[in-house]
Amino acid sequence: MESRKVGIANGWLWIKQGFWLFKKSPVLWVVLSLIGVTGLIALSTLPVVGDPLATLLFPILLAGYMLGCRALENDEELELSHLFAGFHHSTAQLVTLGGINLIGQMLILGVIMLTGGDSLVNVLINQSPVNNPNILMEAAEGAGMAMVLGMTLFSLLLLAMQLAPMLVVFDRIPPVEALKTSLRACLRNFLPLLSYSIMMALFMMIASMPMMLGWLLLLPVMISSMYAMYRNLFPTPDELARANQSGQAPQDPQDP
């Protein structure tokens, strides 16, 4: 399964369509997003098992949100039960996605430590100040290389996870193939994804100013815009069939 290649302006289109989905049920969107996100944050604070459990459950939570978006797109009601809908659709595959994500994060951290060298490892492990300038210089050089490599690998992992839950739930694609398909789609559409990320970063700064109240709006729009991104990049078979008959590219779904 391959994605469409869209223009840079589609980054803004995803946000507009996300807001369109939010407007269809704003109060419940705020409730669902607050419950889900605060629940994951609370879970991650548990000693030892918190972070791994949150990572494993995140694809399930996201899948529930995406199923809610699909319901709204089909003029159905968004319901509180959508928060747990991921536990009833491809649950094992979604947990597998979370497991791959968790293992990937651990491997990347290991690569960062290895790339940083012994000096960086010693500085990080040593609780007392290091007074040797040569060791500090070597650690700084190792940290620079490790940060560049780590950011690159984490970015690739994030792109692989970006659309994978939707591909698993809606297209019944196996987890590993879904990760590869998501990564290819994001790299193929790097410019619209970059414009989307920049605009979202600006909205995050704005939302954080008035006592973080802007996040009540931004968080649901961020979630629903991910569904808009998926629908834009992966048209349905019916949309592709109509496009082939007309000789035109598939129309953007529910363009507000």
Foldseek 3Di string as FASTA:
>chain_A
DAWDADDQCCLVLLLQVLLVLCVVPVVVLLVLLVVLVVVLVVQLPDPPCRVLVSLLCVLLQLLLLLVLSVCVLVVHHRDSCSSRVSVVFLVVQSSVLSVVLVVLLVVLVVVLVVQLDPLLVCCVVDPDDDPDVVSVVSNVVSNVVSVVSSVVSVVLSCQLVLCLSVCCGPVVDGRVVSSVNSSNLCVSHVSNVVSNVVVLVVQCVVCVPPVNVNCSSSSSSVSSSSSQVNCNTDPDPVQVVVCVVVVHDRDRRPRD
